[in-house]
Protein backbone atom coordinates (compact mmCIF):
# COMPACT_ATOMS: atom_id res chain seq x y z
CA MET A 1 85.02 -109.64 -101.89
CA ILE A 2 84.53 -105.95 -101.48
CA GLU A 3 82.73 -104.56 -104.44
CA LEU A 4 82.97 -100.84 -105.51
CA LYS A 5 79.15 -101.01 -106.22
CA ASN A 6 78.53 -102.04 -102.51
CA ILE A 7 80.73 -99.15 -101.21
CA LEU A 8 78.87 -96.47 -103.34
CA LEU A 9 75.60 -97.88 -102.14
CA VAL A 10 76.66 -97.24 -98.58
CA VAL A 11 78.25 -94.04 -99.34
CA GLY A 12 75.25 -92.66 -100.84
CA GLY A 13 72.81 -94.14 -98.38
CA SER A 14 74.94 -92.70 -95.47
CA ALA A 15 74.98 -89.33 -97.06
CA ILE A 16 71.10 -89.36 -97.23
CA GLY A 17 70.72 -90.78 -93.75
CA GLY A 18 73.48 -88.28 -92.15
CA GLY A 19 71.41 -85.36 -93.84
CA CYS A 20 68.31 -86.66 -92.54
CA ARG A 21 69.65 -87.09 -88.94
CA TYR A 22 70.93 -83.43 -89.07
CA LEU A 23 67.78 -81.99 -90.09
CA LEU A 24 65.79 -84.02 -87.48
CA SER A 25 68.24 -83.09 -84.88
CA MET A 26 67.98 -79.33 -85.59
CA LEU A 27 64.28 -79.70 -85.54
CA MET A 28 64.19 -81.45 -82.27
CA GLN A 29 66.68 -78.80 -80.70
CA GLN A 30 64.12 -76.09 -81.52
CA PHE A 31 61.60 -77.92 -78.99
CA ASN A 32 63.77 -79.43 -76.54
CA ARG A 33 64.65 -77.02 -73.64
CA THR A 34 66.38 -79.54 -71.42
CA ALA A 35 69.64 -81.07 -70.87
CA PHE A 36 68.16 -84.40 -72.11
CA PRO A 37 69.45 -85.07 -75.77
CA ALA A 38 66.14 -85.63 -77.13
CA GLY A 39 67.10 -85.42 -80.80
CA THR A 40 69.62 -88.10 -80.68
CA PHE A 41 67.28 -90.20 -78.62
CA VAL A 42 64.65 -90.12 -81.09
CA ILE A 43 66.73 -90.52 -83.96
CA ASN A 44 68.47 -93.72 -82.38
CA THR A 45 65.00 -95.11 -81.61
CA LEU A 46 63.67 -94.34 -85.04
CA GLY A 47 66.80 -95.69 -86.72
CA CYS A 48 66.54 -99.01 -84.75
CA PHE A 49 62.69 -99.20 -85.81
CA LEU A 50 63.80 -98.67 -89.46
CA ILE A 51 66.61 -101.15 -89.61
CA GLY A 52 64.04 -103.61 -87.99
CA ILE A 53 61.65 -102.92 -90.92
CA ILE A 54 64.29 -103.23 -93.49
CA TYR A 55 65.75 -106.67 -92.26
CA SER A 56 61.90 -107.98 -91.69
CA LEU A 57 60.96 -107.11 -95.24
CA SER A 58 64.10 -108.51 -96.65
CA ASP A 59 63.42 -111.79 -94.76
CA ARG A 60 59.81 -111.82 -95.63
CA HIS A 61 60.78 -110.97 -99.36
CA PRO A 62 63.85 -113.00 -100.29
CA GLU A 63 63.70 -111.55 -103.73
CA THR A 64 64.53 -108.24 -102.27
CA SER A 65 67.43 -106.92 -103.88
CA GLN A 66 70.77 -107.17 -101.74
CA ASN A 67 71.73 -103.89 -103.15
CA MET A 68 68.61 -102.18 -101.47
CA LYS A 69 69.35 -103.86 -98.12
CA ILE A 70 73.11 -102.56 -98.43
CA LEU A 71 71.67 -98.96 -99.43
CA LEU A 72 68.96 -98.78 -96.71
CA ALA A 73 70.36 -100.82 -93.75
CA SER A 74 74.29 -100.15 -94.10
CA GLY A 75 74.02 -96.92 -95.78
CA PHE A 76 70.97 -95.03 -94.60
CA CYS A 77 70.40 -96.35 -91.21
CA GLY A 78 74.21 -96.25 -90.75
CA GLY A 79 74.44 -92.71 -91.64
CA PHE A 80 71.10 -91.91 -89.77
CA THR A 81 71.64 -93.44 -86.30
CA THR A 82 73.91 -91.63 -83.89
CA PHE A 83 75.42 -93.89 -81.38
CA SER A 84 78.57 -92.23 -81.48
CA ALA A 85 76.99 -88.90 -80.58
CA PHE A 86 75.10 -91.01 -77.96
CA ALA A 87 78.27 -91.99 -76.38
CA ILE A 88 79.73 -88.46 -76.32
CA GLU A 89 76.63 -86.98 -74.82
CA ASN A 90 76.43 -89.60 -72.13
CA LEU A 91 80.09 -88.63 -71.38
CA GLU A 92 79.29 -85.08 -71.22
CA LEU A 93 76.27 -85.74 -68.83
CA PHE A 94 78.37 -87.72 -66.49
CA LYS A 95 81.18 -84.96 -66.56
CA ASN A 96 78.61 -82.35 -65.77
CA GLY A 97 77.25 -84.37 -62.75
CA ASN A 98 73.92 -85.53 -64.42
CA THR A 99 74.62 -89.07 -63.48
CA LEU A 100 70.78 -89.89 -63.07
CA LEU A 101 69.89 -88.27 -66.49
CA ALA A 102 72.79 -90.01 -68.22
CA THR A 103 71.89 -93.53 -66.66
CA LEU A 104 68.16 -92.72 -67.74
CA TYR A 105 69.27 -91.86 -71.29
CA ILE A 106 71.29 -94.99 -71.71
CA VAL A 107 68.59 -97.34 -70.31
CA LEU A 108 65.84 -95.94 -72.12
CA SER A 109 67.85 -95.83 -75.39
CA VAL A 110 68.93 -99.55 -75.25
CA LEU A 111 65.38 -100.67 -74.08
CA LEU A 112 63.48 -98.67 -76.58
CA GLY A 113 65.91 -99.32 -79.37
CA VAL A 114 65.74 -102.95 -78.98
CA SER A 115 61.91 -102.82 -78.50
CA ALA A 116 61.60 -100.74 -81.62
CA ALA A 117 63.46 -103.16 -83.75
CA TRP A 118 61.32 -106.15 -82.20
CA ALA A 119 58.08 -104.24 -82.68
CA ALA A 120 58.90 -103.50 -86.57
CA SER A 121 59.84 -107.30 -86.98
CA ALA A 122 56.54 -108.36 -85.15
CA ILE A 123 54.27 -105.78 -86.99
CA LEU A 124 55.65 -107.11 -90.35
CA LYS A 125 55.33 -110.87 -89.76
């Protein structure tokens, strides 16, 4: 059953996560002078690491509130990570003939994202 409280937790967490994503992306753009979308790359990797921490801590501490998991994992991380931006940026890289850069971006994002989630889980075990 869908509860209004859970929807509000996701919406609140998503708003904060989306705001953090925007701020970090703007900061990264100031320092990135290449075609590589470094802001989204860093955000996706960090988001994967954060969700690894959230799930590991909730597994380690079953008394952790389900509300907190909904707020942080579904809400904050859902608003913070940017795989939709990832998809469109890769499409643009391919359209502009940057096939090697797009391929590198895809492979590194997936490998580092999964590795970051694994590392967070391993660190907290």
